[in-house]
Amino acid sequence: MAKEKLPKQFLQIKKRHEKYFDAVEELGKVVKQEGPLDEKTAQLIQLATAATERSEGAVHSHVRRALEAGVTPEEIYHTMILVTSTIGFPNVVAALSWADDIIQNKKG
């Protein structure tokens, strides 16, 4: 996992269930190797999925990872608004605000 400030609760669960987390991280690596998509595309897909799940933590994580993979803030915003007809405007606005939590922090 990238060097990022992880939520305290996440770290506690990871410590408590180390083998489980190792397996989940390995699964993430393997599925990315199984196809032709590049890291930027994979992160944008995972980001859109996190938005559909209304998972603030996952949106934060995938915005961080997307930026590290070279995705621009504009590409992140476009990814989010592309799912408007699927998840609805209020959900997109929430996801955009979570993305901004990370993007604005990186700029500052």
PDB file of N, CA and C in Angstrom:
ATOM      1  N   MET A   1       0.848  -1.172   0.000  1.00  0.00           N
ATOM      2  CA  MET A   1       0.000   0.000   0.000  1.00  0.00           C
ATOM      3  C   MET A   1       0.893   1.235   0.000  1.00  0.00           C
ATOM      4  N   ALA A   2       0.443   2.266  -0.680  1.00  0.00           N
ATOM      5  CA  ALA A   2       1.216   3.489  -0.777  1.00  0.00           C
ATOM      6  C   ALA A   2       1.423   4.102   0.602  1.00  0.00           C
ATOM      7  N   LYS A   3       2.489   4.901   0.703  1.00  0.00           N
ATOM      8  CA  LYS A   3       2.747   5.584   1.965  1.00  0.00           C
ATOM      9  C   LYS A   3       1.763   6.729   2.087  1.00  0.00           C
ATOM     10  N   GLU A   4       0.761   6.532   2.906  1.00  0.00           N
ATOM     11  CA  GLU A   4      -0.276   7.522   3.101  1.00  0.00           C
ATOM     12  C   GLU A   4      -0.707   7.478   4.549  1.00  0.00           C
ATOM     13  N   LYS A   5      -1.342   8.543   4.975  1.00  0.00           N
ATOM     14  CA  LYS A   5      -1.877   8.570   6.330  1.00  0.00           C
ATOM     15  C   LYS A   5      -3.165   7.762   6.339  1.00  0.00           C
ATOM     16  N   LEU A   6      -3.108   6.608   6.947  1.00  0.00           N
ATOM     17  CA  LEU A   6      -4.263   5.716   6.982  1.00  0.00           C
ATOM     18  C   LEU A   6      -5.084   5.958   8.236  1.00  0.00           C
ATOM     19  N   PRO A   7      -6.409   5.800   8.136  1.00  0.00           N
ATOM     20  CA  PRO A   7      -7.259   5.990   9.309  1.00  0.00           C
ATOM     21  C   PRO A   7      -6.888   5.028  10.429  1.00  0.00           C
ATOM     22  N   LYS A   8      -6.999   5.506  11.648  1.00  0.00           N
ATOM     23  CA  LYS A   8      -6.651   4.727  12.840  1.00  0.00           C
ATOM     24  C   LYS A   8      -7.408   3.392  12.870  1.00  0.00           C
ATOM     25  N   GLN A   9      -8.695   3.437  12.579  1.00  0.00           N
ATOM     26  CA  GLN A   9      -9.507   2.216  12.601  1.00  0.00           C
ATOM     27  C   GLN A   9      -8.985   1.188  11.599  1.00  0.00           C
ATOM     28  N   PHE A  10      -8.624   1.646  10.397  1.00  0.00           N
ATOM     29  CA  PHE A  10      -8.077   0.769   9.367  1.00  0.00           C
ATOM     30  C   PHE A  10      -6.810   0.091   9.876  1.00  0.00           C
ATOM     31  N   LEU A  11      -5.920   0.867  10.472  1.00  0.00           N
ATOM     32  CA  LEU A  11      -4.660   0.320  10.976  1.00  0.00           C
ATOM     33  C   LEU A  11      -4.881  -0.691  12.100  1.00  0.00           C
ATOM     34  N   GLN A  12      -5.861  -0.422  12.957  1.00  0.00           N
ATOM     35  CA  GLN A  12      -6.159  -1.361  14.046  1.00  0.00           C
ATOM     36  C   GLN A  12      -6.675  -2.690  13.496  1.00  0.00           C
ATOM     37  N   ILE A  13      -7.561  -2.622  12.528  1.00  0.00           N
ATOM     38  CA  ILE A  13      -8.092  -3.856  11.933  1.00  0.00           C
ATOM     39  C   ILE A  13      -6.989  -4.590  11.183  1.00  0.00           C
ATOM     40  N   LYS A  14      -6.159  -3.858  10.478  1.00  0.00           N
ATOM     41  CA  LYS A  14      -5.058  -4.481   9.739  1.00  0.00           C
ATOM     42  C   LYS A  14      -4.115  -5.217  10.698  1.00  0.00           C
ATOM     43  N   LYS A  15      -3.840  -4.618  11.829  1.00  0.00           N
ATOM     44  CA  LYS A  15      -2.962  -5.250  12.820  1.00  0.00           C
ATOM     45  C   LYS A  15      -3.624  -6.509  13.394  1.00  0.00           C
ATOM     46  N   ARG A  16      -4.906  -6.421  13.652  1.00  0.00           N
ATOM     47  CA  ARG A  16      -5.648  -7.531  14.249  1.00  0.00           C
ATOM     48  C   ARG A  16      -5.793  -8.707  13.282  1.00  0.00           C
ATOM     49  N   HIS A  17      -5.910  -8.415  11.989  1.00  0.00           N
ATOM     50  CA  HIS A  17      -6.166  -9.451  10.980  1.00  0.00           C
ATOM     51  C   HIS A  17      -5.088  -9.392   9.887  1.00  0.00           C
ATOM     52  N   GLU A  18      -3.852  -9.523  10.294  1.00  0.00           N
ATOM     53  CA  GLU A  18      -2.721  -9.337   9.385  1.00  0.00           C
ATOM     54  C   GLU A  18      -2.761 -10.276   8.176  1.00  0.00           C
ATOM     55  N   LYS A  19      -3.023 -11.553   8.393  1.00  0.00           N
ATOM     56  CA  LYS A  19      -3.051 -12.509   7.279  1.00  0.00           C
ATOM     57  C   LYS A  19      -4.160 -12.174   6.289  1.00  0.00           C
ATOM     58  N   TYR A  20      -5.295 -11.783   6.803  1.00  0.00           N
ATOM     59  CA  TYR A  20      -6.417 -11.390   5.956  1.00  0.00           C
ATOM     60  C   TYR A  20      -6.036 -10.198   5.072  1.00  0.00           C
ATOM     61  N   PHE A  21      -5.445  -9.175   5.678  1.00  0.00           N
ATOM     62  CA  PHE A  21      -5.055  -7.996   4.919  1.00  0.00           C
ATOM     63  C   PHE A  21      -3.979  -8.310   3.898  1.00  0.00           C
ATOM     64  N   ASP A  22      -3.043  -9.181   4.255  1.00  0.00           N
ATOM     65  CA  ASP A  22      -2.020  -9.600   3.296  1.00  0.00           C
ATOM     66  C   ASP A  22      -2.667 -10.261   2.087  1.00  0.00           C
ATOM     67  N   ALA A  23      -3.664 -11.104   2.338  1.00  0.00           N
ATOM     68  CA  ALA A  23      -4.361 -11.802   1.248  1.00  0.00           C
ATOM     69  C   ALA A  23      -5.119 -10.814   0.364  1.00  0.00           C
ATOM     70  N   VAL A  24      -5.791  -9.842   0.975  1.00  0.00           N
ATOM     71  CA  VAL A  24      -6.531  -8.844   0.201  1.00  0.00           C
ATOM     72  C   VAL A  24      -5.577  -8.016  -0.651  1.00  0.00           C
ATOM     73  N   GLU A  25      -4.448  -7.605  -0.079  1.00  0.00           N
ATOM     74  CA  GLU A  25      -3.464  -6.829  -0.837  1.00  0.00           C
ATOM     75  C   GLU A  25      -2.882  -7.650  -1.987  1.00  0.00           C
ATOM     76  N   GLU A  26      -2.631  -8.922  -1.748  1.00  0.00           N
ATOM     77  CA  GLU A  26      -2.112  -9.798  -2.808  1.00  0.00           C
ATOM     78  C   GLU A  26      -3.149  -9.958  -3.920  1.00  0.00           C
ATOM     79  N   LEU A  27      -4.417 -10.118  -3.540  1.00  0.00           N
ATOM     80  CA  LEU A  27      -5.478 -10.219  -4.532  1.00  0.00           C
ATOM     81  C   LEU A  27      -5.502  -8.973  -5.416  1.00  0.00           C
ATOM     82  N   GLY A  28      -5.383  -7.808  -4.811  1.00  0.00           N
ATOM     83  CA  GLY A  28      -5.358  -6.561  -5.576  1.00  0.00           C
ATOM     84  C   GLY A  28      -4.223  -6.538  -6.587  1.00  0.00           C
ATOM     85  N   LYS A  29      -3.054  -7.010  -6.196  1.00  0.00           N
ATOM     86  CA  LYS A  29      -1.907  -7.064  -7.106  1.00  0.00           C
ATOM     87  C   LYS A  29      -2.163  -8.037  -8.249  1.00  0.00           C
ATOM     88  N   VAL A  30      -2.681  -9.203  -7.918  1.00  0.00           N
ATOM     89  CA  VAL A  30      -2.896 -10.247  -8.926  1.00  0.00           C
ATOM     90  C   VAL A  30      -3.928  -9.816  -9.963  1.00  0.00           C
ATOM     91  N   VAL A  31      -5.055  -9.255  -9.518  1.00  0.00           N
ATOM     92  CA  VAL A  31      -6.085  -8.887 -10.490  1.00  0.00           C
ATOM     93  C   VAL A  31      -5.605  -7.790 -11.440  1.00  0.00           C
ATOM     94  N   LYS A  32      -4.744  -6.919 -10.984  1.00  0.00           N
ATOM     95  CA  LYS A  32      -4.203  -5.889 -11.865  1.00  0.00           C
ATOM     96  C   LYS A  32      -3.264  -6.489 -12.908  1.00  0.00           C
ATOM     97  N   GLN A  33      -2.605  -7.574 -12.583  1.00  0.00           N
ATOM     98  CA  GLN A  33      -1.686  -8.231 -13.510  1.00  0.00           C
ATOM     99  C   GLN A  33      -2.416  -9.101 -14.534  1.00  0.00           C
ATOM    100  N   GLU A  34      -3.676  -9.380 -14.304  1.00  0.00           N
ATOM    101  CA  GLU A  34      -4.426 -10.309 -15.138  1.00  0.00           C
ATOM    102  C   GLU A  34      -4.966  -9.716 -16.435  1.00  0.00           C
ATOM    103  N   GLY A  35      -4.780  -8.452 -16.644  1.00  0.00           N
ATOM    104  CA  GLY A  35      -5.342  -7.854 -17.848  1.00  0.00           C
ATOM    105  C   GLY A  35      -4.500  -6.724 -18.389  1.00  0.00           C
ATOM    106  N   PRO A  36      -4.967  -6.126 -19.483  1.00  0.00           N
ATOM    107  CA  PRO A  36      -4.171  -5.123 -20.189  1.00  0.00           C
ATOM    108  C   PRO A  36      -4.305  -3.688 -19.673  1.00  0.00           C
ATOM    109  N   LEU A  37      -5.184  -3.442 -18.695  1.00  0.00           N
ATOM    110  CA  LEU A  37      -5.393  -2.062 -18.257  1.00  0.00           C
ATOM    111  C   LEU A  37      -4.175  -1.537 -17.495  1.00  0.00           C
ATOM    112  N   ASP A  38      -3.849  -0.281 -17.763  1.00  0.00           N
ATOM    113  CA  ASP A  38      -2.730   0.332 -17.053  1.00  0.00           C
ATOM    114  C   ASP A  38      -3.170   0.785 -15.662  1.00  0.00           C
ATOM    115  N   GLU A  39      -2.220   1.199 -14.850  1.00  0.00           N
ATOM    116  CA  GLU A  39      -2.488   1.571 -13.462  1.00  0.00           C
ATOM    117  C   GLU A  39      -3.445   2.755 -13.368  1.00  0.00           C
ATOM    118  N   LYS A  40      -3.276   3.752 -14.233  1.00  0.00           N
ATOM    119  CA  LYS A  40      -4.167   4.911 -14.196  1.00  0.00           C
ATOM    120  C   LYS A  40      -5.617   4.493 -14.432  1.00  0.00           C
ATOM    121  N   THR A  41      -5.832   3.692 -15.448  1.00  0.00           N
ATOM    122  CA  THR A  41      -7.191   3.244 -15.772  1.00  0.00           C
ATOM    123  C   THR A  41      -7.763   2.409 -14.638  1.00  0.00           C
ATOM    124  N   ALA A  42      -6.954   1.509 -14.094  1.00  0.00           N
ATOM    125  CA  ALA A  42      -7.411   0.663 -12.988  1.00  0.00           C
ATOM    126  C   ALA A  42      -7.829   1.513 -11.795  1.00  0.00           C
ATOM    127  N   GLN A  43      -7.046   2.528 -11.463  1.00  0.00           N
ATOM    128  CA  GLN A  43      -7.384   3.382 -10.322  1.00  0.00           C
ATOM    129  C   GLN A  43      -8.667   4.171 -10.579  1.00  0.00           C
ATOM    130  N   LEU A  44      -8.871   4.629 -11.808  1.00  0.00           N
ATOM    131  CA  LEU A  44     -10.093   5.371 -12.116  1.00  0.00           C
ATOM    132  C   LEU A  44     -11.322   4.465 -12.029  1.00  0.00           C
ATOM    133  N   ILE A  45     -11.185   3.224 -12.455  1.00  0.00           N
ATOM    134  CA  ILE A  45     -12.298   2.279 -12.336  1.00  0.00           C
ATOM    135  C   ILE A  45     -12.603   2.025 -10.862  1.00  0.00           C
ATOM    136  N   GLN A  46     -11.565   1.802 -10.072  1.00  0.00           N
ATOM    137  CA  GLN A  46     -11.775   1.558  -8.643  1.00  0.00           C
ATOM    138  C   GLN A  46     -12.342   2.799  -7.957  1.00  0.00           C
ATOM    139  N   LEU A  47     -11.929   3.969  -8.398  1.00  0.00           N
ATOM    140  CA  LEU A  47     -12.463   5.217  -7.843  1.00  0.00           C
ATOM    141  C   LEU A  47     -13.953   5.352  -8.150  1.00  0.00           C
ATOM    142  N   ALA A  48     -14.340   5.097  -9.384  1.00  0.00           N
ATOM    143  CA  ALA A  48     -15.755   5.169  -9.752  1.00  0.00           C
ATOM    144  C   ALA A  48     -16.570   4.170  -8.947  1.00  0.00           C
ATOM    145  N   THR A  49     -16.022   2.996  -8.752  1.00  0.00           N
ATOM    146  CA  THR A  49     -16.717   1.980  -7.968  1.00  0.00           C
ATOM    147  C   THR A  49     -16.859   2.420  -6.517  1.00  0.00           C
ATOM    148  N   ALA A  50     -15.821   3.012  -5.961  1.00  0.00           N
ATOM    149  CA  ALA A  50     -15.887   3.511  -4.583  1.00  0.00           C
ATOM    150  C   ALA A  50     -16.980   4.570  -4.447  1.00  0.00           C
ATOM    151  N   ALA A  51     -17.102   5.416  -5.475  1.00  0.00           N
ATOM    152  CA  ALA A  51     -18.153   6.443  -5.455  1.00  0.00           C
ATOM    153  C   ALA A  51     -19.532   5.794  -5.475  1.00  0.00           C
ATOM    154  N   THR A  52     -19.705   4.750  -6.272  1.00  0.00           N
ATOM    155  CA  THR A  52     -21.013   4.095  -6.340  1.00  0.00           C
ATOM    156  C   THR A  52     -21.371   3.425  -5.027  1.00  0.00           C
ATOM    157  N   GLU A  53     -20.366   3.007  -4.289  1.00  0.00           N
ATOM    158  CA  GLU A  53     -20.583   2.376  -2.984  1.00  0.00           C
ATOM    159  C   GLU A  53     -20.750   3.394  -1.865  1.00  0.00           C
ATOM    160  N   ARG A  54     -20.572   4.673  -2.208  1.00  0.00           N
ATOM    161  CA  ARG A  54     -20.631   5.759  -1.217  1.00  0.00           C
ATOM    162  C   ARG A  54     -19.654   5.517  -0.063  1.00  0.00           C
ATOM    163  N   SER A  55     -18.454   5.063  -0.445  1.00  0.00           N
ATOM    164  CA  SER A  55     -17.429   4.766   0.545  1.00  0.00           C
ATOM    165  C   SER A  55     -16.412   5.908   0.582  1.00  0.00           C
ATOM    166  N   GLU A  56     -16.555   6.765   1.562  1.00  0.00           N
ATOM    167  CA  GLU A  56     -15.657   7.914   1.683  1.00  0.00           C
ATOM    168  C   GLU A  56     -14.204   7.477   1.810  1.00  0.00           C
ATOM    169  N   GLY A  57     -13.953   6.471   2.634  1.00  0.00           N
ATOM    170  CA  GLY A  57     -12.581   5.998   2.817  1.00  0.00           C
ATOM    171  C   GLY A  57     -11.981   5.449   1.535  1.00  0.00           C
ATOM    172  N   ALA A  58     -12.773   4.693   0.783  1.00  0.00           N
ATOM    173  CA  ALA A  58     -12.275   4.136  -0.484  1.00  0.00           C
ATOM    174  C   ALA A  58     -12.052   5.232  -1.514  1.00  0.00           C
ATOM    175  N   VAL A  59     -12.935   6.237  -1.550  1.00  0.00           N
ATOM    176  CA  VAL A  59     -12.718   7.360  -2.458  1.00  0.00           C
ATOM    177  C   VAL A  59     -11.417   8.065  -2.093  1.00  0.00           C
ATOM    178  N   HIS A  60     -11.210   8.341  -0.832  1.00  0.00           N
ATOM    179  CA  HIS A  60      -9.950   8.965  -0.398  1.00  0.00           C
ATOM    180  C   HIS A  60      -8.757   8.131  -0.855  1.00  0.00           C
ATOM    181  N   SER A  61      -8.799   6.844  -0.579  1.00  0.00           N
ATOM    182  CA  SER A  61      -7.686   5.957  -0.911  1.00  0.00           C
ATOM    183  C   SER A  61      -7.418   5.920  -2.413  1.00  0.00           C
ATOM    184  N   HIS A  62      -8.474   5.794  -3.214  1.00  0.00           N
ATOM    185  CA  HIS A  62      -8.264   5.677  -4.655  1.00  0.00           C
ATOM    186  C   HIS A  62      -7.918   7.011  -5.308  1.00  0.00           C
ATOM    187  N   VAL A  63      -8.330   8.116  -4.722  1.00  0.00           N
ATOM    188  CA  VAL A  63      -7.858   9.408  -5.220  1.00  0.00           C
ATOM    189  C   VAL A  63      -6.354   9.520  -4.962  1.00  0.00           C
ATOM    190  N   ARG A  64      -5.917   9.148  -3.771  1.00  0.00           N
ATOM    191  CA  ARG A  64      -4.472   9.177  -3.472  1.00  0.00           C
ATOM    192  C   ARG A  64      -3.702   8.306  -4.456  1.00  0.00           C
ATOM    193  N   ARG A  65      -4.181   7.083  -4.633  1.00  0.00           N
ATOM    194  CA  ARG A  65      -3.499   6.132  -5.517  1.00  0.00           C
ATOM    195  C   ARG A  65      -3.540   6.601  -6.970  1.00  0.00           C
ATOM    196  N   ALA A  66      -4.654   7.174  -7.382  1.00  0.00           N
ATOM    197  CA  ALA A  66      -4.759   7.676  -8.753  1.00  0.00           C
ATOM    198  C   ALA A  66      -3.754   8.800  -8.984  1.00  0.00           C
ATOM    199  N   LEU A  67      -3.676   9.733  -8.046  1.00  0.00           N
ATOM    200  CA  LEU A  67      -2.706  10.819  -8.179  1.00  0.00           C
ATOM    201  C   LEU A  67      -1.280  10.273  -8.248  1.00  0.00           C
ATOM    202  N   GLU A  68      -0.984   9.280  -7.419  1.00  0.00           N
ATOM    203  CA  GLU A  68       0.348   8.658  -7.437  1.00  0.00           C
ATOM    204  C   GLU A  68       0.621   7.958  -8.769  1.00  0.00           C
ATOM    205  N   ALA A  69      -0.432   7.481  -9.439  1.00  0.00           N
ATOM    206  CA  ALA A  69      -0.286   6.795 -10.725  1.00  0.00           C
ATOM    207  C   ALA A  69      -0.221   7.779 -11.892  1.00  0.00           C
ATOM    208  N   GLY A  70      -0.322   9.074 -11.588  1.00  0.00           N
ATOM    209  CA  GLY A  70      -0.208  10.085 -12.631  1.00  0.00           C
ATOM    210  C   GLY A  70      -1.522  10.615 -13.166  1.00  0.00           C
ATOM    211  N   VAL A  71      -2.625  10.268 -12.538  1.00  0.00           N
ATOM    212  CA  VAL A  71      -3.928  10.779 -12.932  1.00  0.00           C
ATOM    213  C   VAL A  71      -4.014  12.242 -12.497  1.00  0.00           C
ATOM    214  N   THR A  72      -4.575  13.072 -13.350  1.00  0.00           N
ATOM    215  CA  THR A  72      -4.720  14.492 -13.013  1.00  0.00           C
ATOM    216  C   THR A  72      -6.017  14.713 -12.234  1.00  0.00           C
ATOM    217  N   PRO A  73      -6.088  15.787 -11.469  1.00  0.00           N
ATOM    218  CA  PRO A  73      -7.353  16.111 -10.805  1.00  0.00           C
ATOM    219  C   PRO A  73      -8.520  16.214 -11.793  1.00  0.00           C
ATOM    220  N   GLU A  74      -8.273  16.770 -12.976  1.00  0.00           N
ATOM    221  CA  GLU A  74      -9.329  16.888 -13.980  1.00  0.00           C
ATOM    222  C   GLU A  74      -9.845  15.509 -14.397  1.00  0.00           C
ATOM    223  N   GLU A  75      -8.965  14.530 -14.530  1.00  0.00           N
ATOM    224  CA  GLU A  75      -9.382  13.165 -14.877  1.00  0.00           C
ATOM    225  C   GLU A  75     -10.191  12.535 -13.742  1.00  0.00           C
ATOM    226  N   ILE A  76      -9.812  12.846 -12.522  1.00  0.00           N
ATOM    227  CA  ILE A  76     -10.562  12.348 -11.360  1.00  0.00           C
ATOM    228  C   ILE A  76     -11.966  12.943 -11.360  1.00  0.00           C
ATOM    229  N   TYR A  77     -12.069  14.261 -11.544  1.00  0.00           N
ATOM    230  CA  TYR A  77     -13.380  14.913 -11.559  1.00  0.00           C
ATOM    231  C   TYR A  77     -14.243  14.368 -12.700  1.00  0.00           C
ATOM    232  N   HIS A  78     -13.633  14.174 -13.869  1.00  0.00           N
ATOM    233  CA  HIS A  78     -14.388  13.656 -15.005  1.00  0.00           C
ATOM    234  C   HIS A  78     -14.896  12.246 -14.713  1.00  0.00           C
ATOM    235  N   THR A  79     -14.063  11.426 -14.107  1.00  0.00           N
ATOM    236  CA  THR A  79     -14.479  10.068 -13.735  1.00  0.00           C
ATOM    237  C   THR A  79     -15.699  10.119 -12.837  1.00  0.00           C
ATOM    238  N   MET A  80     -15.701  11.013 -11.891  1.00  0.00           N
ATOM    239  CA  MET A  80     -16.808  11.115 -10.948  1.00  0.00           C
ATOM    240  C   MET A  80     -18.091  11.561 -11.639  1.00  0.00           C
ATOM    241  N   ILE A  81     -18.011  12.588 -12.484  1.00  0.00           N
ATOM    242  CA  ILE A  81     -19.241  13.078 -13.090  1.00  0.00           C
ATOM    243  C   ILE A  81     -19.780  12.110 -14.144  1.00  0.00           C
ATOM    244  N   LEU A  82     -18.921  11.247 -14.681  1.00  0.00           N
ATOM    245  CA  LEU A  82     -19.386  10.260 -15.658  1.00  0.00           C
ATOM    246  C   LEU A  82     -20.410   9.290 -15.078  1.00  0.00           C
ATOM    247  N   VAL A  83     -20.398   9.094 -13.774  1.00  0.00           N
ATOM    248  CA  VAL A  83     -21.327   8.133 -13.170  1.00  0.00           C
ATOM    249  C   VAL A  83     -22.615   8.791 -12.660  1.00  0.00           C
ATOM    250  N   THR A  84     -22.834  10.053 -13.020  1.00  0.00           N
ATOM    251  CA  THR A  84     -24.018  10.768 -12.538  1.00  0.00           C
ATOM    252  C   THR A  84     -25.315  10.041 -12.888  1.00  0.00           C
ATOM    253  N   SER A  85     -25.441   9.590 -14.133  1.00  0.00           N
ATOM    254  CA  SER A  85     -26.697   8.948 -14.529  1.00  0.00           C
ATOM    255  C   SER A  85     -26.874   7.578 -13.882  1.00  0.00           C
ATOM    256  N   THR A  86     -25.812   7.036 -13.337  1.00  0.00           N
ATOM    257  CA  THR A  86     -25.879   5.738 -12.674  1.00  0.00           C
ATOM    258  C   THR A  86     -26.154   5.872 -11.181  1.00  0.00           C
ATOM    259  N   ILE A  87     -25.451   6.806 -10.520  1.00  0.00           N
ATOM    260  CA  ILE A  87     -25.574   6.888  -9.058  1.00  0.00           C
ATOM    261  C   ILE A  87     -26.304   8.126  -8.569  1.00  0.00           C
ATOM    262  N   GLY A  88     -26.568   9.079  -9.469  1.00  0.00           N
ATOM    263  CA  GLY A  88     -27.315  10.268  -9.094  1.00  0.00           C
ATOM    264  C   GLY A  88     -26.437  11.438  -8.678  1.00  0.00           C
ATOM    265  N   PHE A  89     -26.961  12.617  -8.917  1.00  0.00           N
ATOM    266  CA  PHE A  89     -26.243  13.861  -8.638  1.00  0.00           C
ATOM    267  C   PHE A  89     -25.813  13.994  -7.178  1.00  0.00           C
ATOM    268  N   PRO A  90     -26.693  13.754  -6.200  1.00  0.00           N
ATOM    269  CA  PRO A  90     -26.259  13.916  -4.803  1.00  0.00           C
ATOM    270  C   PRO A  90     -25.084  13.004  -4.428  1.00  0.00           C
ATOM    271  N   ASN A  91     -25.085  11.789  -4.947  1.00  0.00           N
ATOM    272  CA  ASN A  91     -23.978  10.873  -4.655  1.00  0.00           C
ATOM    273  C   ASN A  91     -22.677  11.329  -5.315  1.00  0.00           C
ATOM    274  N   VAL A  92     -22.805  11.877  -6.520  1.00  0.00           N
ATOM    275  CA  VAL A  92     -21.619  12.401  -7.206  1.00  0.00           C
ATOM    276  C   VAL A  92     -21.059  13.594  -6.444  1.00  0.00           C
ATOM    277  N   VAL A  93     -21.925  14.475  -5.993  1.00  0.00           N
ATOM    278  CA  VAL A  93     -21.470  15.642  -5.228  1.00  0.00           C
ATOM    279  C   VAL A  93     -20.731  15.192  -3.961  1.00  0.00           C
ATOM    280  N   ALA A  94     -21.261  14.191  -3.287  1.00  0.00           N
ATOM    281  CA  ALA A  94     -20.580  13.676  -2.092  1.00  0.00           C
ATOM    282  C   ALA A  94     -19.209  13.132  -2.465  1.00  0.00           C
ATOM    283  N   ALA A  95     -19.145  12.330  -3.515  1.00  0.00           N
ATOM    284  CA  ALA A  95     -17.868  11.741  -3.933  1.00  0.00           C
ATOM    285  C   ALA A  95     -16.869  12.821  -4.354  1.00  0.00           C
ATOM    286  N   LEU A  96     -17.358  13.847  -5.050  1.00  0.00           N
ATOM    287  CA  LEU A  96     -16.471  14.954  -5.433  1.00  0.00           C
ATOM    288  C   LEU A  96     -15.914  15.665  -4.203  1.00  0.00           C
ATOM    289  N   SER A  97     -16.736  15.824  -3.179  1.00  0.00           N
ATOM    290  CA  SER A  97     -16.244  16.484  -1.966  1.00  0.00           C
ATOM    291  C   SER A  97     -15.178  15.631  -1.292  1.00  0.00           C
ATOM    292  N   TRP A  98     -15.342  14.303  -1.318  1.00  0.00           N
ATOM    293  CA  TRP A  98     -14.334  13.418  -0.736  1.00  0.00           C
ATOM    294  C   TRP A  98     -13.054  13.450  -1.560  1.00  0.00           C
ATOM    295  N   ALA A  99     -13.206  13.503  -2.875  1.00  0.00           N
ATOM    296  CA  ALA A  99     -12.022  13.604  -3.738  1.00  0.00           C
ATOM    297  C   ALA A  99     -11.285  14.909  -3.439  1.00  0.00           C
ATOM    298  N   ASP A 100     -12.040  15.992  -3.288  1.00  0.00           N
ATOM    299  CA  ASP A 100     -11.422  17.277  -2.975  1.00  0.00           C
ATOM    300  C   ASP A 100     -10.682  17.282  -1.649  1.00  0.00           C
ATOM    301  N   ASP A 101     -11.147  16.480  -0.691  1.00  0.00           N
ATOM    302  CA  ASP A 101     -10.417  16.363   0.578  1.00  0.00           C
ATOM    303  C   ASP A 101      -8.953  16.041   0.313  1.00  0.00           C
ATOM    304  N   ILE A 102      -8.718  15.151  -0.624  1.00  0.00           N
ATOM    305  CA  ILE A 102      -7.353  14.694  -0.932  1.00  0.00           C
ATOM    306  C   ILE A 102      -6.670  15.646  -1.911  1.00  0.00           C
ATOM    307  N   ILE A 103      -7.356  16.016  -2.970  1.00  0.00           N
ATOM    308  CA  ILE A 103      -6.752  16.866  -3.998  1.00  0.00           C
ATOM    309  C   ILE A 103      -6.342  18.211  -3.420  1.00  0.00           C
ATOM    310  N   GLN A 104      -7.209  18.828  -2.641  1.00  0.00           N
ATOM    311  CA  GLN A 104      -6.878  20.137  -2.060  1.00  0.00           C
ATOM    312  C   GLN A 104      -5.740  20.014  -1.038  1.00  0.00           C
ATOM    313  N   ASN A 105      -5.684  18.900  -0.318  1.00  0.00           N
ATOM    314  CA  ASN A 105      -4.609  18.662   0.637  1.00  0.00           C
ATOM    315  C   ASN A 105      -3.262  18.523  -0.078  1.00  0.00           C
ATOM    316  N   LYS A 106      -3.261  17.887  -1.244  1.00  0.00           N
ATOM    317  CA  LYS A 106      -2.019  17.714  -2.023  1.00  0.00           C
ATOM    318  C   LYS A 106      -1.517  19.045  -2.567  1.00  0.00           C
ATOM    319  N   LYS A 107      -2.443  19.941  -2.885  1.00  0.00           N
ATOM    320  CA  LYS A 107      -2.072  21.260  -3.431  1.00  0.00           C
ATOM    321  C   LYS A 107      -1.511  22.166  -2.348  1.00  0.00           C
ATOM    322  N   GLY A 108      -2.021  21.970  -1.125  1.00  0.00           N
ATOM    323  CA  GLY A 108      -1.683  22.864  -0.019  1.00  0.00           C
ATOM    324  C   GLY A 108      -0.400  22.605   0.597  1.00  0.00           C
TER     325      GLY A 108
END
